[in-house]
Amino acid sequence: MVNILAAAAALAAASPTVAPAVPVNADPAIFVVRDADTTVYLFGTFHALDGQSEWFNDQVKDAFEKSNELVLETLIPEAPGPVAMRPPLRMPSVTASASFLATTRMAINAGKTQGMQVGNGADMVLRHEAELEGKQVEGLETFESQLNMFTRMPATAAAPAPRPGTPVQPSSMEGLSKAMAAMQSAWKRGDQTVFVGMLEQLRAASPDTYRMLFTERNARWANWVAGRMQTPGTVFVAVGAGHLAGRDSLLVRLAEMGITSTRVN
C-alpha cells in the first residue's frame, strides 16, 4: 500500500518540475486484457489523493460497473462500523530498515502537505464502492506477506535517513513534496512517462528495493492474471500506477506470456 510513497521517498534528491494546475476531470490510465469469455481491467491507482478531482467516472467507472469482482494489491484490515465512517486499523509494528521507515514517513508527510490522504486514495474509494455494491473483493497479496516484505526492505541509497532526533531539512521535504505533487498530477493525466522515470531512478539507486517492490511482485501478479483468464467473467484489478509502467511492468510480464493489453482511455 505504501510502495509508491516509498519509491517517491527514494527519489527525494531528484526534484521534478512543478506540476501543472490540477484539472477538474482526471483520466488515470486503465488497460484491459480479454479473451472470448474473460475480461480483466488493469487500473493504476494512486494510494493517497487530495480529493480535488473527479477520476471515478468515464471509462474507469464504466469498467468498474461491468466487473463482478474487485482485486486490490492487498486488503488492509479496517475498523468495524459503517463503510463511509470507519478508519483503517492501526498497522502492527514491523522490524524494517530504519532508513526505509524514515523515508516512507517522509513521503507520507510530504503528501499531507499537498492535501493527500489515504482515505481519498483510489484503492480505498474503489474498495468502499465495491462493498456498497456487494461486489466480491480480494487481494493479490495477504496483508501479512506485505508486512513481511517490508521487514526485508534494504536501506534506500537515494535518500539516506536522518539520524534519530534530527529534523528533516526543509529543502528535502520541499523537494519530496514537489515530487509527490508531480506524480499525483501525472496520475490524473494518465501520464505513464513520469512513473517510468521514477522507476528507473529507483532501480539505479536501490536495485534490491526495486526488485522487491516491483519486479518480483509484477511477475507474481502476471501469473495470477494469466490464471484468472481461464475462468469466465469480468474482473477489475487495481494496483499502484507504478506497476503498470516501465520495463518490468505487469503489462510487460503479461506480454511475455502472450497476453496483450490495450489501453482503454
C-alpha atoms as a PDB file:
ATOM      1  CA  MET A   1       0.000   0.000   0.000  1.00  0.00           C
ATOM      2  CA  VAL A   2       2.866   2.351   0.695  1.00  0.00           C
ATOM      3  CA  ASN A   3       5.107   1.209  -2.143  1.00  0.00           C
ATOM      4  CA  ILE A   4       4.592   4.236  -4.386  1.00  0.00           C
ATOM      5  CA  LEU A   5       5.179   6.510  -1.395  1.00  0.00           C
ATOM      6  CA  ALA A   6       8.348   4.649  -0.514  1.00  0.00           C
ATOM      7  CA  ALA A   7       9.579   4.843  -4.098  1.00  0.00           C
ATOM      8  CA  ALA A   8       8.924   8.565  -4.122  1.00  0.00           C
ATOM      9  CA  ALA A   9      10.901   8.957  -0.924  1.00  0.00           C
ATOM     10  CA  ALA A  10      13.841   7.211  -2.536  1.00  0.00           C
ATOM     11  CA  LEU A  11      13.891   9.951  -5.163  1.00  0.00           C
ATOM     12  CA  ALA A  12      13.762  12.931  -2.815  1.00  0.00           C
ATOM     13  CA  ALA A  13      17.115  14.126  -4.101  1.00  0.00           C
ATOM     14  CA  ALA A  14      15.766  14.424  -7.653  1.00  0.00           C
ATOM     15  CA  SER A  15      13.177  17.219  -7.702  1.00  0.00           C
ATOM     16  CA  PRO A  16      10.902  17.196 -10.781  1.00  0.00           C
ATOM     17  CA  THR A  17       9.423  20.329 -12.251  1.00  0.00           C
ATOM     18  CA  VAL A  18       6.394  21.764 -10.508  1.00  0.00           C
ATOM     19  CA  ALA A  19       3.177  20.042 -11.572  1.00  0.00           C
ATOM     20  CA  PRO A  20       0.591  21.979 -13.572  1.00  0.00           C
ATOM     21  CA  ALA A  21      -2.730  23.003 -12.089  1.00  0.00           C
ATOM     22  CA  VAL A  22      -4.973  20.118 -11.071  1.00  0.00           C
ATOM     23  CA  PRO A  23      -7.758  19.547 -13.625  1.00  0.00           C
ATOM     24  CA  VAL A  24     -11.356  19.137 -12.512  1.00  0.00           C
ATOM     25  CA  ASN A  25     -11.693  15.927 -14.534  1.00  0.00           C
ATOM     26  CA  ALA A  26      -8.980  13.267 -14.286  1.00  0.00           C
ATOM     27  CA  ASP A  27      -8.227  10.383 -16.649  1.00  0.00           C
ATOM     28  CA  PRO A  28      -5.870   7.943 -14.914  1.00  0.00           C
ATOM     29  CA  ALA A  29      -4.602   5.111 -17.082  1.00  0.00           C
ATOM     30  CA  ILE A  30      -6.641   1.929 -17.374  1.00  0.00           C
ATOM     31  CA  PHE A  31      -5.893  -1.108 -19.537  1.00  0.00           C
ATOM     32  CA  VAL A  32      -7.725  -4.292 -20.468  1.00  0.00           C
ATOM     33  CA  VAL A  33      -6.825  -7.860 -21.383  1.00  0.00           C
ATOM     34  CA  ARG A  34      -9.507 -10.175 -22.687  1.00  0.00           C
ATOM     35  CA  ASP A  35     -10.259 -13.404 -24.478  1.00  0.00           C
ATOM     36  CA  ALA A  36     -13.504 -14.961 -25.671  1.00  0.00           C
ATOM     37  CA  ASP A  37     -15.129 -15.194 -22.237  1.00  0.00           C
ATOM     38  CA  THR A  38     -12.921 -13.305 -19.768  1.00  0.00           C
ATOM     39  CA  THR A  39     -12.151  -9.603 -19.348  1.00  0.00           C
ATOM     40  CA  VAL A  40      -9.619  -8.251 -16.855  1.00  0.00           C
ATOM     41  CA  TYR A  41      -9.318  -4.488 -16.432  1.00  0.00           C
ATOM     42  CA  LEU A  42      -5.971  -3.265 -15.065  1.00  0.00           C
ATOM     43  CA  PHE A  43      -6.212   0.087 -13.340  1.00  0.00           C
ATOM     44  CA  GLY A  44      -3.241   2.009 -11.968  1.00  0.00           C
ATOM     45  CA  THR A  45      -4.079   3.622  -8.632  1.00  0.00           C
ATOM     46  CA  PHE A  46      -2.561   6.391  -6.537  1.00  0.00           C
ATOM     47  CA  HIS A  47      -2.724   5.373  -2.893  1.00  0.00           C
ATOM     48  CA  ALA A  48      -3.239   8.862  -1.409  1.00  0.00           C
ATOM     49  CA  LEU A  49      -5.040  11.696  -3.216  1.00  0.00           C
ATOM     50  CA  ASP A  50      -6.025  15.289  -2.479  1.00  0.00           C
ATOM     51  CA  GLY A  51      -9.686  14.734  -3.392  1.00  0.00           C
ATOM     52  CA  GLN A  52      -9.712  17.759  -5.707  1.00  0.00           C
ATOM     53  CA  SER A  53     -10.542  15.996  -8.964  1.00  0.00           C
ATOM     54  CA  GLU A  54     -13.097  13.533 -10.308  1.00  0.00           C
ATOM     55  CA  TRP A  55     -11.406  10.358 -11.540  1.00  0.00           C
ATOM     56  CA  PHE A  56     -14.025   7.707 -10.758  1.00  0.00           C
ATOM     57  CA  ASN A  57     -16.026   8.375 -13.916  1.00  0.00           C
ATOM     58  CA  ASP A  58     -15.963   7.795 -17.684  1.00  0.00           C
ATOM     59  CA  GLN A  59     -14.010   4.680 -18.725  1.00  0.00           C
ATOM     60  CA  VAL A  60     -12.868   3.876 -15.192  1.00  0.00           C
ATOM     61  CA  LYS A  61     -16.394   3.885 -13.770  1.00  0.00           C
ATOM     62  CA  ASP A  62     -17.732   2.004 -16.798  1.00  0.00           C
ATOM     63  CA  ALA A  63     -15.121  -0.742 -16.407  1.00  0.00           C
ATOM     64  CA  PHE A  64     -15.786  -0.974 -12.677  1.00  0.00           C
ATOM     65  CA  GLU A  65     -19.541  -1.291 -13.146  1.00  0.00           C
ATOM     66  CA  LYS A  66     -19.079  -4.026 -15.771  1.00  0.00           C
ATOM     67  CA  SER A  67     -16.930  -6.023 -13.342  1.00  0.00           C
ATOM     68  CA  ASN A  68     -18.277  -8.551 -10.869  1.00  0.00           C
ATOM     69  CA  GLU A  69     -15.112  -8.615  -8.801  1.00  0.00           C
ATOM     70  CA  LEU A  70     -12.550  -6.113  -7.448  1.00  0.00           C
ATOM     71  CA  VAL A  71      -8.961  -7.224  -6.851  1.00  0.00           C
ATOM     72  CA  LEU A  72      -6.569  -4.945  -4.961  1.00  0.00           C
ATOM     73  CA  GLU A  73      -2.892  -5.323  -4.055  1.00  0.00           C
ATOM     74  CA  THR A  74      -3.930  -6.325  -0.553  1.00  0.00           C
ATOM     75  CA  LEU A  75      -6.858  -5.916   1.817  1.00  0.00           C
ATOM     76  CA  ILE A  76      -5.832  -3.625   4.675  1.00  0.00           C
ATOM     77  CA  PRO A  77      -7.827  -4.556   7.815  1.00  0.00           C
ATOM     78  CA  GLU A  78     -10.345  -1.874   8.721  1.00  0.00           C
ATOM     79  CA  ALA A  79     -12.061  -0.932  11.941  1.00  0.00           C
ATOM     80  CA  PRO A  80     -15.684  -2.071  12.357  1.00  0.00           C
ATOM     81  CA  GLY A  81     -18.514   0.329  11.625  1.00  0.00           C
ATOM     82  CA  PRO A  82     -20.211   1.912   8.598  1.00  0.00           C
ATOM     83  CA  VAL A  83     -18.051   1.744   5.474  1.00  0.00           C
ATOM     84  CA  ALA A  84     -18.057   5.503   4.943  1.00  0.00           C
ATOM     85  CA  MET A  85     -17.040   6.237   8.535  1.00  0.00           C
ATOM     86  CA  ARG A  86     -14.516   3.605   9.529  1.00  0.00           C
ATOM     87  CA  PRO A  87     -10.813   4.497   9.513  1.00  0.00           C
ATOM     88  CA  PRO A  88      -8.069   1.988   8.675  1.00  0.00           C
ATOM     89  CA  LEU A  89      -6.870  -0.001  11.671  1.00  0.00           C
ATOM     90  CA  ARG A  90      -3.519   0.925  13.138  1.00  0.00           C
ATOM     91  CA  MET A  91      -0.798  -1.134  11.462  1.00  0.00           C
ATOM     92  CA  PRO A  92       1.138  -3.511  13.710  1.00  0.00           C
ATOM     93  CA  SER A  93       4.770  -2.580  14.165  1.00  0.00           C
ATOM     94  CA  VAL A  94       7.293  -4.274  11.895  1.00  0.00           C
ATOM     95  CA  THR A  95      11.043  -4.501  12.228  1.00  0.00           C
ATOM     96  CA  ALA A  96      12.005  -2.877   8.952  1.00  0.00           C
ATOM     97  CA  SER A  97      15.049  -0.938   7.814  1.00  0.00           C
ATOM     98  CA  ALA A  98      15.298   2.291   9.779  1.00  0.00           C
ATOM     99  CA  SER A  99      16.154   4.071   6.542  1.00  0.00           C
ATOM    100  CA  PHE A 100      13.157   2.606   4.735  1.00  0.00           C
ATOM    101  CA  LEU A 101      10.744   3.516   7.513  1.00  0.00           C
ATOM    102  CA  ALA A 102      12.158   7.025   7.819  1.00  0.00           C
ATOM    103  CA  THR A 103      11.916   7.749   4.106  1.00  0.00           C
ATOM    104  CA  THR A 104       8.413   6.300   3.968  1.00  0.00           C
ATOM    105  CA  ARG A 105       7.338   8.566   6.828  1.00  0.00           C
ATOM    106  CA  MET A 106       8.881  11.491   4.962  1.00  0.00           C
ATOM    107  CA  ALA A 107       6.880  10.625   1.854  1.00  0.00           C
ATOM    108  CA  ILE A 108       3.626  10.350   3.798  1.00  0.00           C
ATOM    109  CA  ASN A 109       4.245  13.687   5.497  1.00  0.00           C
ATOM    110  CA  ALA A 110       5.178  15.269   2.169  1.00  0.00           C
ATOM    111  CA  GLY A 111       1.932  14.009   0.678  1.00  0.00           C
ATOM    112  CA  LYS A 112      -0.014  15.531   3.542  1.00  0.00           C
ATOM    113  CA  THR A 113       1.475  18.947   2.750  1.00  0.00           C
ATOM    114  CA  GLN A 114      -0.215  18.579  -0.661  1.00  0.00           C
ATOM    115  CA  GLY A 115      -3.528  17.604   0.932  1.00  0.00           C
ATOM    116  CA  MET A 116      -3.163  13.923   0.026  1.00  0.00           C
ATOM    117  CA  GLN A 117      -4.928  11.420   2.268  1.00  0.00           C
ATOM    118  CA  VAL A 118      -5.183   7.642   2.100  1.00  0.00           C
ATOM    119  CA  GLY A 119      -8.925   7.965   2.669  1.00  0.00           C
ATOM    120  CA  ASN A 120      -9.150   9.766  -0.691  1.00  0.00           C
ATOM    121  CA  GLY A 121      -6.853   7.242  -2.376  1.00  0.00           C
ATOM    122  CA  ALA A 122      -8.156   5.317  -5.362  1.00  0.00           C
ATOM    123  CA  ASP A 123      -7.747   1.950  -3.613  1.00  0.00           C
ATOM    124  CA  MET A 124      -9.899   2.987  -0.664  1.00  0.00           C
ATOM    125  CA  VAL A 125     -12.582   4.582  -2.846  1.00  0.00           C
ATOM    126  CA  LEU A 126     -12.811   1.503  -5.057  1.00  0.00           C
ATOM    127  CA  ARG A 127     -12.969  -0.890  -2.118  1.00  0.00           C
ATOM    128  CA  HIS A 128     -15.733   1.030  -0.376  1.00  0.00           C
ATOM    129  CA  GLU A 129     -17.737   1.335  -3.604  1.00  0.00           C
ATOM    130  CA  ALA A 130     -17.366  -2.384  -4.288  1.00  0.00           C
ATOM    131  CA  GLU A 131     -18.512  -3.228  -0.764  1.00  0.00           C
ATOM    132  CA  LEU A 132     -21.523  -0.934  -1.112  1.00  0.00           C
ATOM    133  CA  GLU A 133     -22.479  -2.639  -4.385  1.00  0.00           C
ATOM    134  CA  GLY A 134     -21.914  -6.118  -2.995  1.00  0.00           C
ATOM    135  CA  LYS A 135     -19.049  -6.989  -5.342  1.00  0.00           C
ATOM    136  CA  GLN A 136     -16.540  -9.643  -4.351  1.00  0.00           C
ATOM    137  CA  VAL A 137     -13.305  -8.034  -3.101  1.00  0.00           C
ATOM    138  CA  GLU A 138      -9.980  -9.825  -2.742  1.00  0.00           C
ATOM    139  CA  GLY A 139      -6.256  -9.124  -2.654  1.00  0.00           C
ATOM    140  CA  LEU A 140      -3.337 -10.249  -4.790  1.00  0.00           C
ATOM    141  CA  GLU A 141      -1.259 -10.451  -1.617  1.00  0.00           C
ATOM    142  CA  THR A 142      -2.093 -11.050   2.018  1.00  0.00           C
ATOM    143  CA  PHE A 143      -1.623  -8.208   4.457  1.00  0.00           C
ATOM    144  CA  GLU A 144       0.865 -10.337   6.368  1.00  0.00           C
ATOM    145  CA  SER A 145       3.003 -11.057   3.296  1.00  0.00           C
ATOM    146  CA  GLN A 146       3.175  -7.354   2.508  1.00  0.00           C
ATOM    147  CA  LEU A 147       4.307  -6.562   6.043  1.00  0.00           C
ATOM    148  CA  ASN A 148       6.910  -9.321   5.836  1.00  0.00           C
ATOM    149  CA  MET A 149       8.241  -7.768   2.637  1.00  0.00           C
ATOM    150  CA  PHE A 150       8.875  -4.508   4.468  1.00  0.00           C
ATOM    151  CA  THR A 151      10.848  -6.309   7.175  1.00  0.00           C
ATOM    152  CA  ARG A 152      13.288  -7.380   4.448  1.00  0.00           C
ATOM    153  CA  MET A 153      13.471  -3.999   2.738  1.00  0.00           C
ATOM    154  CA  PRO A 154      17.039  -2.684   2.347  1.00  0.00           C
ATOM    155  CA  ALA A 155      18.132   0.851   3.123  1.00  0.00           C
ATOM    156  CA  THR A 156      17.475   3.247   0.259  1.00  0.00           C
ATOM    157  CA  ALA A 157      20.624   4.805  -1.172  1.00  0.00           C
ATOM    158  CA  ALA A 158      18.936   7.728  -2.889  1.00  0.00           C
ATOM    159  CA  ALA A 159      17.553   9.271   0.279  1.00  0.00           C
ATOM    160  CA  PRO A 160      19.602   8.498   3.390  1.00  0.00           C
ATOM    161  CA  ALA A 161      17.561   8.667   6.554  1.00  0.00           C
ATOM    162  CA  PRO A 162      18.333  11.415   9.059  1.00  0.00           C
ATOM    163  CA  ARG A 163      19.748  10.378  12.413  1.00  0.00           C
ATOM    164  CA  PRO A 164      17.169   9.873  15.161  1.00  0.00           C
ATOM    165  CA  GLY A 165      16.091  13.216  16.561  1.00  0.00           C
ATOM    166  CA  THR A 166      17.445  15.141  13.590  1.00  0.00           C
ATOM    167  CA  PRO A 167      14.758  17.351  11.990  1.00  0.00           C
ATOM    168  CA  VAL A 168      14.150  16.907   8.283  1.00  0.00           C
ATOM    169  CA  GLN A 169      15.787  19.666   6.291  1.00  0.00           C
ATOM    170  CA  PRO A 170      13.177  21.996   4.740  1.00  0.00           C
ATOM    171  CA  SER A 171      14.812  21.655   1.328  1.00  0.00           C
ATOM    172  CA  SER A 172      14.482  17.842   1.438  1.00  0.00           C
ATOM    173  CA  MET A 173      10.828  17.955   2.457  1.00  0.00           C
ATOM    174  CA  GLU A 174      10.083  20.630  -0.129  1.00  0.00           C
ATOM    175  CA  GLY A 175      11.668  18.581  -2.909  1.00  0.00           C
ATOM    176  CA  LEU A 176       9.801  15.452  -1.866  1.00  0.00           C
ATOM    177  CA  SER A 177       6.545  17.383  -1.591  1.00  0.00           C
ATOM    178  CA  LYS A 178       7.009  18.619  -5.167  1.00  0.00           C
ATOM    179  CA  ALA A 179       7.778  15.072  -6.302  1.00  0.00           C
ATOM    180  CA  MET A 180       4.578  13.773  -4.742  1.00  0.00           C
ATOM    181  CA  ALA A 181       2.560  16.584  -6.335  1.00  0.00           C
ATOM    182  CA  ALA A 182       4.128  15.921  -9.737  1.00  0.00           C
ATOM    183  CA  MET A 183       3.341  12.217  -9.572  1.00  0.00           C
ATOM    184  CA  GLN A 184      -0.243  12.855  -8.467  1.00  0.00           C
ATOM    185  CA  SER A 185      -0.710  15.299 -11.340  1.00  0.00           C
ATOM    186  CA  ALA A 186       0.778  12.795 -13.804  1.00  0.00           C
ATOM    187  CA  TRP A 187      -1.546  10.091 -12.481  1.00  0.00           C
ATOM    188  CA  LYS A 188      -4.565  12.312 -13.005  1.00  0.00           C
ATOM    189  CA  ARG A 189      -3.485  12.956 -16.612  1.00  0.00           C
ATOM    190  CA  GLY A 190      -2.799   9.270 -17.246  1.00  0.00           C
ATOM    191  CA  ASP A 191       0.841  10.155 -17.991  1.00  0.00           C
ATOM    192  CA  GLN A 192       2.871   6.959 -17.579  1.00  0.00           C
ATOM    193  CA  THR A 193       6.200   8.579 -18.530  1.00  0.00           C
ATOM    194  CA  VAL A 194       6.593  10.211 -15.120  1.00  0.00           C
ATOM    195  CA  PHE A 195       6.331   6.816 -13.427  1.00  0.00           C
ATOM    196  CA  VAL A 196       8.773   5.272 -15.907  1.00  0.00           C
ATOM    197  CA  GLY A 197      11.340   7.901 -14.954  1.00  0.00           C
ATOM    198  CA  MET A 198      10.671   7.408 -11.246  1.00  0.00           C
ATOM    199  CA  LEU A 199      11.106   3.657 -11.542  1.00  0.00           C
ATOM    200  CA  GLU A 200      14.363   3.938 -13.480  1.00  0.00           C
ATOM    201  CA  GLN A 201      15.818   6.239 -10.842  1.00  0.00           C
ATOM    202  CA  LEU A 202      14.752   3.875  -8.075  1.00  0.00           C
ATOM    203  CA  ARG A 203      16.232   0.898  -9.953  1.00  0.00           C
ATOM    204  CA  ALA A 204      19.566   2.693 -10.262  1.00  0.00           C
ATOM    205  CA  ALA A 205      19.569   3.952  -6.659  1.00  0.00           C
ATOM    206  CA  SER A 206      18.436   0.736  -4.939  1.00  0.00           C
ATOM    207  CA  PRO A 207      18.217  -2.355  -7.185  1.00  0.00           C
ATOM    208  CA  ASP A 208      17.095  -4.608  -4.332  1.00  0.00           C
ATOM    209  CA  THR A 209      14.256  -2.290  -3.344  1.00  0.00           C
ATOM    210  CA  TYR A 210      13.160  -2.048  -6.980  1.00  0.00           C
ATOM    211  CA  ARG A 211      13.282  -5.829  -7.363  1.00  0.00           C
ATOM    212  CA  MET A 212      11.263  -6.489  -4.219  1.00  0.00           C
ATOM    213  CA  LEU A 213       8.676  -3.757  -4.750  1.00  0.00           C
ATOM    214  CA  PHE A 214       8.160  -4.117  -8.495  1.00  0.00           C
ATOM    215  CA  THR A 215       9.982  -6.838 -10.481  1.00  0.00           C
ATOM    216  CA  GLU A 216       9.092  -9.829  -8.308  1.00  0.00           C
ATOM    217  CA  ARG A 217       5.570  -8.722  -7.483  1.00  0.00           C
ATOM    218  CA  ASN A 218       4.700  -7.860 -11.095  1.00  0.00           C
ATOM    219  CA  ALA A 219       5.811 -11.339 -12.162  1.00  0.00           C
ATOM    220  CA  ARG A 220       3.613 -12.971  -9.498  1.00  0.00           C
ATOM    221  CA  TRP A 221       0.643 -10.806 -10.398  1.00  0.00           C
ATOM    222  CA  ALA A 222       1.045 -11.601 -14.107  1.00  0.00           C
ATOM    223  CA  ASN A 223       0.796 -15.281 -13.222  1.00  0.00           C
ATOM    224  CA  TRP A 224      -2.371 -14.519 -11.247  1.00  0.00           C
ATOM    225  CA  VAL A 225      -3.933 -12.667 -14.199  1.00  0.00           C
ATOM    226  CA  ALA A 226      -2.975 -15.469 -16.589  1.00  0.00           C
ATOM    227  CA  GLY A 227      -4.603 -17.971 -14.262  1.00  0.00           C
ATOM    228  CA  ARG A 228      -7.716 -15.836 -13.866  1.00  0.00           C
ATOM    229  CA  MET A 229      -8.109 -15.666 -17.652  1.00  0.00           C
ATOM    230  CA  GLN A 230      -9.024 -19.345 -17.517  1.00  0.00           C
ATOM    231  CA  THR A 231     -12.265 -18.516 -15.649  1.00  0.00           C
ATOM    232  CA  PRO A 232     -15.081 -16.669 -17.460  1.00  0.00           C
ATOM    233  CA  GLY A 233     -16.135 -13.302 -16.082  1.00  0.00           C
ATOM    234  CA  THR A 234     -15.122  -9.665 -15.758  1.00  0.00           C
ATOM    235  CA  VAL A 235     -12.632  -8.524 -13.116  1.00  0.00           C
ATOM    236  CA  PHE A 236     -11.364  -5.081 -12.104  1.00  0.00           C
ATOM    237  CA  VAL A 237      -7.753  -5.272 -10.889  1.00  0.00           C
ATOM    238  CA  ALA A 238      -6.397  -2.144  -9.188  1.00  0.00           C
ATOM    239  CA  VAL A 239      -2.682  -1.867  -8.377  1.00  0.00           C
ATOM    240  CA  GLY A 240      -0.336   1.073  -7.871  1.00  0.00           C
ATOM    241  CA  ALA A 241       0.281   3.035 -11.070  1.00  0.00           C
ATOM    242  CA  GLY A 242       3.993   2.240 -10.932  1.00  0.00           C
ATOM    243  CA  HIS A 243       3.208  -1.433 -11.514  1.00  0.00           C
ATOM    244  CA  LEU A 244       1.782  -0.636 -14.962  1.00  0.00           C
ATOM    245  CA  ALA A 245       4.795   1.376 -16.166  1.00  0.00           C
ATOM    246  CA  GLY A 246       8.392   0.665 -17.138  1.00  0.00           C
ATOM    247  CA  ARG A 247      10.492  -2.219 -18.367  1.00  0.00           C
ATOM    248  CA  ASP A 248       9.349  -4.693 -15.714  1.00  0.00           C
ATOM    249  CA  SER A 249       5.702  -3.706 -15.526  1.00  0.00           C
ATOM    250  CA  LEU A 250       2.790  -6.069 -15.081  1.00  0.00           C
ATOM    251  CA  LEU A 251       1.833  -5.297 -18.684  1.00  0.00           C
ATOM    252  CA  VAL A 252       5.292  -6.314 -19.943  1.00  0.00           C
ATOM    253  CA  ARG A 253       5.203  -9.538 -17.931  1.00  0.00           C
ATOM    254  CA  LEU A 254       1.791 -10.355 -19.424  1.00  0.00           C
ATOM    255  CA  ALA A 255       3.033  -9.622 -22.951  1.00  0.00           C
ATOM    256  CA  GLU A 256       5.900 -12.075 -22.405  1.00  0.00           C
ATOM    257  CA  MET A 257       3.246 -14.686 -21.639  1.00  0.00           C
ATOM    258  CA  GLY A 258       1.408 -13.894 -24.857  1.00  0.00           C
ATOM    259  CA  ILE A 259      -1.322 -11.826 -23.177  1.00  0.00           C
ATOM    260  CA  THR A 260      -1.753  -8.495 -24.940  1.00  0.00           C
ATOM    261  CA  SER A 261      -3.078  -5.451 -23.092  1.00  0.00           C
ATOM    262  CA  THR A 262      -4.848  -2.448 -24.604  1.00  0.00           C
ATOM    263  CA  ARG A 263      -5.226   0.978 -23.067  1.00  0.00           C
ATOM    264  CA  VAL A 264      -8.881   1.887 -22.603  1.00  0.00           C
ATOM    265  CA  ASN A 265      -8.570   5.664 -22.272  1.00  0.00           C
END
